[in-house]
């Protein structure tokens, strides 16, 4: 068993920076320069030092590094407990992408979870100085977390939007244009009786998706009958879909939904009524995560480029920390419609 350990750990002593220097054939100062990203060494030297760090099992002292550089190399990620709901996995997918980019950039991520609207707890966590800045997801204009971070002078970047007077360190999508692509697709496929299934929520991206849906219908000379505007909780939507599929003389031939989870609900209810999804009824989702591929039939869905957005948000945060991103403007990333069997 002991032969599997780095040489300096077999005797139980913790490897030191001089051990790394000896293994890499450089000075201890060069090792320090590499680990703290100071200039003055070649890429080859950097790789040799990092290889020696791995082989010796050396672990830099984060407290010491923080004192020397003023940087902890840690970023905070704030989420509510509701974001952990597996029925809506978007935030978890975003966190996973944040972790991936952070690891590439030698950053660590501290996750802070709070109940919604518990501003005091977030303020206390943010004010501890454990991180260099924060990444936020699902952030709408007026998000109290943004105001707290600005008040405390803590850098942040986010997916969503901020108020005009706040730092524009955001990355987002055009939700209205994104859902319009789904409407265009089902109409091009010959569908003309199109219903909408959405969450009962006032958050901006949900409102924008419904607005984009209605605008796209009108552009094609179609309208949305009131009984075919289906919003509410999951339980309410199940009942309303039942009513649409069972009782009406004329029923929709397409349902455009505001999320993949709602598309799955729609597919489930349609199946119980003996409706063949894909041929008799077109169903589209929105998010493009794992749920879309797990569904049967596979969902046609608007795919949000989560890895690319998360990567950009993390890099914008580090730019704000370094002073290279002035947060003068936000950025819009394009979505794409992934066409599969459901529509």
Protein backbone atom coordinates (compact mmCIF):
# COMPACT_ATOMS: atom_id res chain seq x y z
CA UNK A 1 0.00 0.00 0.00
CA UNK A 2 2.75 2.49 0.91
CA UNK A 3 4.40 2.19 -2.50
CA UNK A 4 1.28 3.76 -4.05
CA UNK A 5 1.88 7.00 -2.16
CA UNK A 6 4.15 9.86 -3.27
CA UNK A 7 7.65 9.51 -1.74
CA UNK A 8 7.28 12.34 0.72
CA UNK A 9 4.01 10.95 2.12
CA UNK A 10 5.21 7.44 2.88
CA UNK A 11 6.73 8.51 6.15
CA UNK A 12 3.67 10.47 7.14
CA UNK A 13 5.26 13.95 6.74
CA UNK A 14 3.52 16.57 4.66
CA UNK A 15 5.34 17.47 1.42
CA UNK A 16 6.93 20.93 1.42
CA UNK A 17 7.52 23.43 -1.34
CA UNK A 18 11.24 22.52 -1.29
CA UNK A 19 10.28 18.92 -2.09
CA UNK A 20 8.40 20.13 -5.16
CA UNK A 21 11.35 22.31 -6.18
CA UNK A 22 13.76 19.36 -5.86
CA UNK A 23 11.48 17.09 -7.92
CA UNK A 24 11.03 19.73 -10.65
CA UNK A 25 14.67 20.80 -10.71
CA UNK A 26 13.85 24.44 -10.00
CA UNK A 27 14.06 26.83 -7.06
CA UNK A 28 11.42 27.09 -4.37
CA UNK A 29 10.78 30.67 -5.57
CA UNK A 30 9.97 29.37 -9.05
CA UNK A 31 7.49 26.90 -7.57
CA UNK A 32 5.89 29.77 -5.64
CA UNK A 33 5.74 31.90 -8.79
CA UNK A 34 4.01 29.13 -10.73
CA UNK A 35 1.46 28.37 -8.02
CA UNK A 36 0.63 32.04 -7.54
CA UNK A 37 0.59 32.76 -11.30
CA UNK A 38 3.37 35.33 -11.23
CA UNK A 39 5.35 36.02 -14.42
CA UNK A 40 8.91 34.97 -15.11
CA UNK A 41 8.82 31.32 -16.19
CA UNK A 42 8.25 29.36 -19.37
CA UNK A 43 5.23 27.15 -20.13
CA UNK A 44 7.57 24.14 -19.98
CA UNK A 45 8.70 25.11 -16.47
CA UNK A 46 5.09 25.54 -15.39
CA UNK A 47 4.19 22.06 -16.60
CA UNK A 48 7.23 20.57 -14.88
CA UNK A 49 6.32 22.25 -11.58
CA UNK A 50 2.68 21.16 -11.78
CA UNK A 51 3.77 17.60 -12.54
CA UNK A 52 6.02 17.70 -9.47
CA UNK A 53 3.12 19.00 -7.37
CA UNK A 54 1.05 16.02 -8.44
CA UNK A 55 3.81 13.48 -7.94
CA UNK A 56 4.76 14.70 -4.48
CA UNK A 57 1.20 15.25 -3.31
CA UNK A 58 2.04 18.81 -2.28
CA UNK A 59 -0.99 20.86 -1.20
CA UNK A 60 -0.47 24.65 -1.16
CA UNK A 61 -1.67 26.42 1.95
CA UNK A 62 -4.76 28.35 0.82
CA UNK A 63 -4.67 30.65 3.84
CA UNK A 64 -1.10 31.64 3.09
CA UNK A 65 -1.86 32.22 -0.56
CA UNK A 66 -4.86 34.36 0.38
CA UNK A 67 -2.68 36.53 2.63
CA UNK A 68 -0.02 36.99 -0.08
CA UNK A 69 -2.31 37.69 -3.04
CA UNK A 70 -5.51 38.95 -1.47
CA UNK A 71 -7.27 36.24 -3.48
CA UNK A 72 -8.83 33.04 -2.16
CA UNK A 73 -9.31 31.52 -5.65
CA UNK A 74 -12.81 30.62 -4.49
CA UNK A 75 -16.07 31.81 -6.00
CA UNK A 76 -19.46 31.57 -4.37
CA UNK A 77 -22.53 30.09 -6.02
CA UNK A 78 -25.89 31.07 -4.56
CA UNK A 79 -28.99 28.91 -4.97
CA UNK A 80 -32.28 28.40 -3.18
CA UNK A 81 -33.42 25.07 -1.81
CA UNK A 82 -36.11 24.96 -4.50
CA UNK A 83 -33.31 24.83 -7.08
CA UNK A 84 -32.54 21.33 -5.80
CA UNK A 85 -35.91 20.03 -7.03
CA UNK A 86 -35.06 17.22 -9.51
CA UNK A 87 -38.21 18.03 -11.50
CA UNK A 88 -36.56 21.26 -12.62
CA UNK A 89 -32.87 20.43 -13.01
CA UNK A 90 -31.77 23.59 -14.84
CA UNK A 91 -29.91 25.20 -11.92
CA UNK A 92 -28.09 21.97 -11.11
CA UNK A 93 -26.99 21.68 -14.74
CA UNK A 94 -25.78 25.29 -14.62
CA UNK A 95 -23.87 24.61 -11.38
CA UNK A 96 -22.24 21.56 -12.96
CA UNK A 97 -21.06 23.71 -15.88
CA UNK A 98 -19.78 26.39 -13.47
CA UNK A 99 -17.79 23.73 -11.60
CA UNK A 100 -16.25 22.54 -14.88
CA UNK A 101 -15.04 25.98 -15.92
CA UNK A 102 -13.87 26.82 -12.40
CA UNK A 103 -11.75 23.66 -12.29
CA UNK A 104 -10.15 24.55 -15.64
CA UNK A 105 -9.24 27.97 -14.23
CA UNK A 106 -7.92 26.62 -10.90
CA UNK A 107 -10.86 28.05 -8.96
CA UNK A 108 -12.93 26.40 -6.27
CA UNK A 109 -16.67 26.87 -5.87
CA UNK A 110 -18.44 27.27 -2.53
CA UNK A 111 -22.18 26.61 -2.81
CA UNK A 112 -24.48 28.60 -0.54
CA UNK A 113 -28.10 27.48 -0.26
CA UNK A 114 -30.84 29.59 1.26
CA UNK A 115 -34.60 29.64 1.42
CA UNK A 116 -36.07 32.11 -1.04
CA UNK A 117 -36.16 35.71 0.23
CA UNK A 118 -33.91 35.00 3.23
CA UNK A 119 -31.81 38.07 2.53
CA UNK A 120 -30.20 38.23 5.96
CA UNK A 121 -28.66 34.77 5.58
CA UNK A 122 -27.25 35.61 2.15
CA UNK A 123 -25.83 38.90 3.43
CA UNK A 124 -24.12 37.09 6.30
CA UNK A 125 -22.59 34.46 4.02
CA UNK A 126 -21.46 36.97 1.40
CA UNK A 127 -19.92 39.21 4.05
CA UNK A 128 -17.69 36.51 5.53
CA UNK A 129 -15.02 37.07 2.90
CA UNK A 130 -14.72 33.37 2.07
CA UNK A 131 -14.83 34.01 -1.68
CA UNK A 132 -13.53 36.51 -4.21
CA UNK A 133 -16.96 36.97 -5.79
CA UNK A 134 -20.29 35.35 -6.60
CA UNK A 135 -21.94 33.59 -9.52
CA UNK A 136 -25.73 33.87 -9.53
CA UNK A 137 -28.25 31.93 -11.60
CA UNK A 138 -31.91 32.64 -12.31
CA UNK A 139 -31.37 36.28 -11.43
CA UNK A 140 -34.03 38.80 -12.46
CA UNK A 141 -33.88 42.62 -12.30
CA UNK A 142 -34.44 43.59 -8.68
CA UNK A 143 -32.81 40.43 -7.28
CA UNK A 144 -31.99 41.41 -3.67
CA UNK A 145 -28.77 39.38 -3.80
CA UNK A 146 -27.39 41.75 -6.43
CA UNK A 147 -28.18 44.80 -4.30
CA UNK A 148 -26.48 43.17 -1.31
CA UNK A 149 -23.35 42.33 -3.29
CA UNK A 150 -23.15 45.87 -4.70
CA UNK A 151 -23.58 47.33 -1.22
CA UNK A 152 -20.79 45.10 0.11
CA UNK A 153 -18.54 45.82 -2.88
CA UNK A 154 -18.30 42.16 -3.84
CA UNK A 155 -17.85 41.33 -7.55
CA UNK A 156 -20.50 39.18 -9.20
CA UNK A 157 -21.61 37.89 -12.57
CA UNK A 158 -24.83 36.11 -13.36
CA UNK A 159 -27.17 34.40 -15.76
CA UNK A 160 -30.21 36.61 -16.05
CA UNK A 161 -30.48 40.40 -15.99
CA UNK A 162 -29.78 43.30 -13.64
CA UNK A 163 -31.36 46.72 -13.18
CA UNK A 164 -30.04 49.47 -15.50
CA UNK A 165 -28.22 51.26 -12.66
CA UNK A 166 -26.40 48.09 -11.59
CA UNK A 167 -23.36 46.38 -13.08
CA UNK A 168 -24.27 44.75 -16.40
CA UNK A 169 -22.23 41.64 -15.68
CA UNK A 170 -24.87 39.30 -17.02
CA UNK A 171 -25.28 36.66 -19.72
CA UNK A 172 -28.72 35.62 -20.91
CA UNK A 173 -30.82 34.38 -23.83
CA UNK A 174 -33.64 36.00 -25.79
CA UNK A 175 -36.52 33.95 -24.40
CA UNK A 176 -39.14 35.43 -26.73
CA UNK A 177 -37.14 34.71 -29.88
CA UNK A 178 -36.22 31.27 -28.57
CA UNK A 179 -39.79 30.07 -28.08
CA UNK A 180 -40.81 31.67 -31.39
CA UNK A 181 -38.49 29.19 -33.09
CA UNK A 182 -40.60 26.35 -31.67
CA UNK A 183 -43.80 28.00 -32.92
CA UNK A 184 -42.30 28.50 -36.37
CA UNK A 185 -41.27 24.84 -36.44
CA UNK A 186 -44.68 23.35 -35.64
CA UNK A 187 -46.42 25.70 -38.07
CA UNK A 188 -43.96 24.75 -40.81
CA UNK A 189 -44.90 21.13 -40.09
CA UNK A 190 -48.55 21.92 -40.85
CA UNK A 191 -49.90 22.49 -37.33
CA UNK A 192 -52.41 25.31 -36.90
CA UNK A 193 -54.26 24.60 -33.62
CA UNK A 194 -51.53 25.49 -31.16
CA UNK A 195 -51.86 25.71 -27.37
CA UNK A 196 -49.44 27.04 -24.77
CA UNK A 197 -48.42 25.33 -21.52
CA UNK A 198 -46.58 27.51 -19.02
CA UNK A 199 -45.66 27.95 -15.38
CA UNK A 200 -47.76 30.17 -13.14
CA UNK A 201 -44.95 32.60 -12.41
CA UNK A 202 -44.13 36.29 -12.66
CA UNK A 203 -40.41 35.78 -13.29
CA UNK A 204 -39.33 37.70 -16.40
CA UNK A 205 -38.15 34.75 -18.48
CA UNK A 206 -41.49 32.95 -18.10
CA UNK A 207 -43.42 36.10 -19.08
CA UNK A 208 -41.09 36.61 -22.05
CA UNK A 209 -41.67 33.05 -23.26
CA UNK A 210 -45.44 33.50 -23.22
CA UNK A 211 -45.17 36.87 -24.93
CA UNK A 212 -42.86 35.41 -27.57
CA UNK A 213 -45.32 32.57 -28.15
CA UNK A 214 -48.29 34.91 -28.66
CA UNK A 215 -46.30 37.27 -30.90
CA UNK A 216 -45.15 34.36 -33.06
CA UNK A 217 -48.74 33.12 -33.47
CA UNK A 218 -49.88 36.58 -34.50
CA UNK A 219 -47.05 36.85 -37.01
CA UNK A 220 -48.47 33.73 -38.65
CA UNK A 221 -52.02 35.06 -38.55
CA UNK A 222 -53.08 32.79 -35.69
CA UNK A 223 -54.45 33.52 -32.23
CA UNK A 224 -54.46 31.76 -28.86
CA UNK A 225 -57.96 30.77 -27.67
CA UNK A 226 -58.35 31.43 -23.96
CA UNK A 227 -58.99 27.75 -23.08
CA UNK A 228 -55.70 26.84 -24.75
CA UNK A 229 -53.61 29.14 -22.57
CA UNK A 230 -52.73 26.60 -19.92
CA UNK A 231 -50.81 27.91 -16.90
CA UNK A 232 -50.69 26.90 -13.26
CA UNK A 233 -49.09 24.43 -10.90
CA UNK A 234 -48.25 20.91 -12.02
CA UNK A 235 -51.45 19.55 -10.45
CA UNK A 236 -53.56 22.29 -12.04
CA UNK A 237 -51.95 21.78 -15.43
CA UNK A 238 -52.58 18.04 -15.31
CA UNK A 239 -56.30 18.74 -14.78
CA UNK A 240 -56.40 21.40 -17.49
CA UNK A 241 -54.64 19.18 -20.01
CA UNK A 242 -57.10 16.40 -19.17
CA UNK A 243 -59.96 18.79 -19.93
CA UNK A 244 -58.45 19.93 -23.23
CA UNK A 245 -57.78 16.39 -24.45
CA UNK A 246 -61.02 14.80 -23.24
CA UNK A 247 -63.86 17.24 -23.42
CA UNK A 248 -63.36 19.55 -26.37
CA UNK A 249 -64.82 18.91 -29.80
CA UNK A 250 -61.75 20.47 -31.36
CA UNK A 251 -58.47 19.94 -29.60
CA UNK A 252 -54.98 21.31 -30.28
CA UNK A 253 -52.68 19.59 -32.75
CA UNK A 254 -49.61 21.15 -31.11
CA UNK A 255 -48.60 22.26 -27.60
CA UNK A 256 -45.63 24.54 -27.12
CA UNK A 257 -44.43 24.44 -23.50
CA UNK A 258 -42.24 26.73 -21.40
CA UNK A 259 -39.96 23.97 -20.08
CA UNK A 260 -38.93 20.39 -20.67
CA UNK A 261 -40.60 19.32 -17.41
CA UNK A 262 -43.93 20.71 -18.65
CA UNK A 263 -43.41 19.00 -21.99
CA UNK A 264 -42.96 15.68 -20.16
CA UNK A 265 -46.18 16.32 -18.24
CA UNK A 266 -47.99 17.06 -21.51
CA UNK A 267 -46.67 13.88 -23.13
CA UNK A 268 -47.79 11.82 -20.13
CA UNK A 269 -51.33 13.21 -20.13
CA UNK A 270 -51.64 12.84 -23.91
CA UNK A 271 -50.62 9.18 -23.69
CA UNK A 272 -53.27 8.49 -21.08
CA UNK A 273 -55.83 9.80 -23.56
CA UNK A 274 -54.50 7.55 -26.31
CA UNK A 275 -53.01 10.42 -28.31
CA UNK A 276 -49.88 9.62 -30.31
CA UNK A 277 -47.29 12.29 -29.58
CA UNK A 278 -45.33 13.19 -32.68
CA UNK A 279 -47.95 12.16 -35.24
CA UNK A 280 -51.32 13.24 -33.83
CA UNK A 281 -49.94 15.84 -31.44
CA UNK A 282 -46.73 17.87 -31.61
CA UNK A 283 -45.14 18.77 -28.25
CA UNK A 284 -42.10 21.03 -27.78
CA UNK A 285 -40.05 21.74 -24.67
CA UNK A 286 -37.67 24.45 -23.51
CA UNK A 287 -34.26 23.99 -21.81
CA UNK A 288 -32.64 21.17 -23.76
CA UNK A 289 -31.20 19.34 -20.76
CA UNK A 290 -31.23 15.70 -19.75
CA UNK A 291 -35.01 15.55 -19.48
CA UNK A 292 -35.35 16.06 -23.23
CA UNK A 293 -33.30 12.98 -24.04
CA UNK A 294 -34.85 10.83 -21.31
CA UNK A 295 -38.36 11.44 -22.64
CA UNK A 296 -40.07 8.96 -24.94
CA UNK A 297 -40.46 10.09 -27.61
CA UNK A 298 -37.39 12.33 -27.44
CA UNK A 299 -38.41 15.95 -27.12
CA UNK A 300 -38.10 18.62 -29.74
CA UNK A 301 -36.87 21.44 -27.52
CA UNK A 302 -35.28 24.86 -27.38
CA UNK A 303 -31.75 24.20 -26.15
CA UNK A 304 -30.16 26.75 -23.84
CA UNK A 305 -26.35 26.64 -24.26
CA UNK A 306 -25.77 26.12 -20.54
CA UNK A 307 -22.05 25.15 -20.69
CA UNK A 308 -21.18 28.15 -22.86
CA UNK A 309 -23.18 30.57 -20.71
CA UNK A 310 -21.75 29.22 -17.46
CA UNK A 311 -18.23 29.44 -18.89
CA UNK A 312 -18.76 33.07 -19.87
CA UNK A 313 -20.32 33.99 -16.52
CA UNK A 314 -17.35 32.54 -14.61
CA UNK A 315 -14.87 34.32 -16.87
CA UNK A 316 -16.76 37.60 -16.53
CA UNK A 317 -16.64 37.24 -12.74
CA UNK A 318 -12.88 36.65 -12.81
CA UNK A 319 -12.55 39.65 -15.14
CA UNK A 320 -14.39 41.80 -12.64
CA UNK A 321 -12.14 40.52 -9.84
CA UNK A 322 -9.04 41.28 -11.91
CA UNK A 323 -10.39 44.64 -13.11
CA UNK A 324 -10.46 43.64 -16.79
CA UNK A 325 -14.27 43.53 -17.16
CA UNK A 326 -15.98 46.87 -16.60
CA UNK A 327 -19.46 45.30 -16.61
CA UNK A 328 -20.65 47.96 -19.06
CA UNK A 329 -23.01 45.68 -20.98
CA UNK A 330 -24.70 42.31 -20.83
CA UNK A 331 -24.44 39.55 -23.40
CA UNK A 332 -27.09 37.54 -25.24
CA UNK A 333 -26.31 33.97 -26.27
CA UNK A 334 -28.22 32.26 -29.08
CA UNK A 335 -30.37 29.21 -28.47
CA UNK A 336 -31.09 26.48 -30.99
CA UNK A 337 -34.08 24.29 -31.68
CA UNK A 338 -33.18 20.61 -31.35
CA UNK A 339 -35.63 18.69 -33.51
CA UNK A 340 -36.51 15.19 -32.30
CA UNK A 341 -39.50 12.84 -32.40
CA UNK A 342 -42.11 14.77 -30.40
CA UNK A 343 -42.67 17.48 -33.01
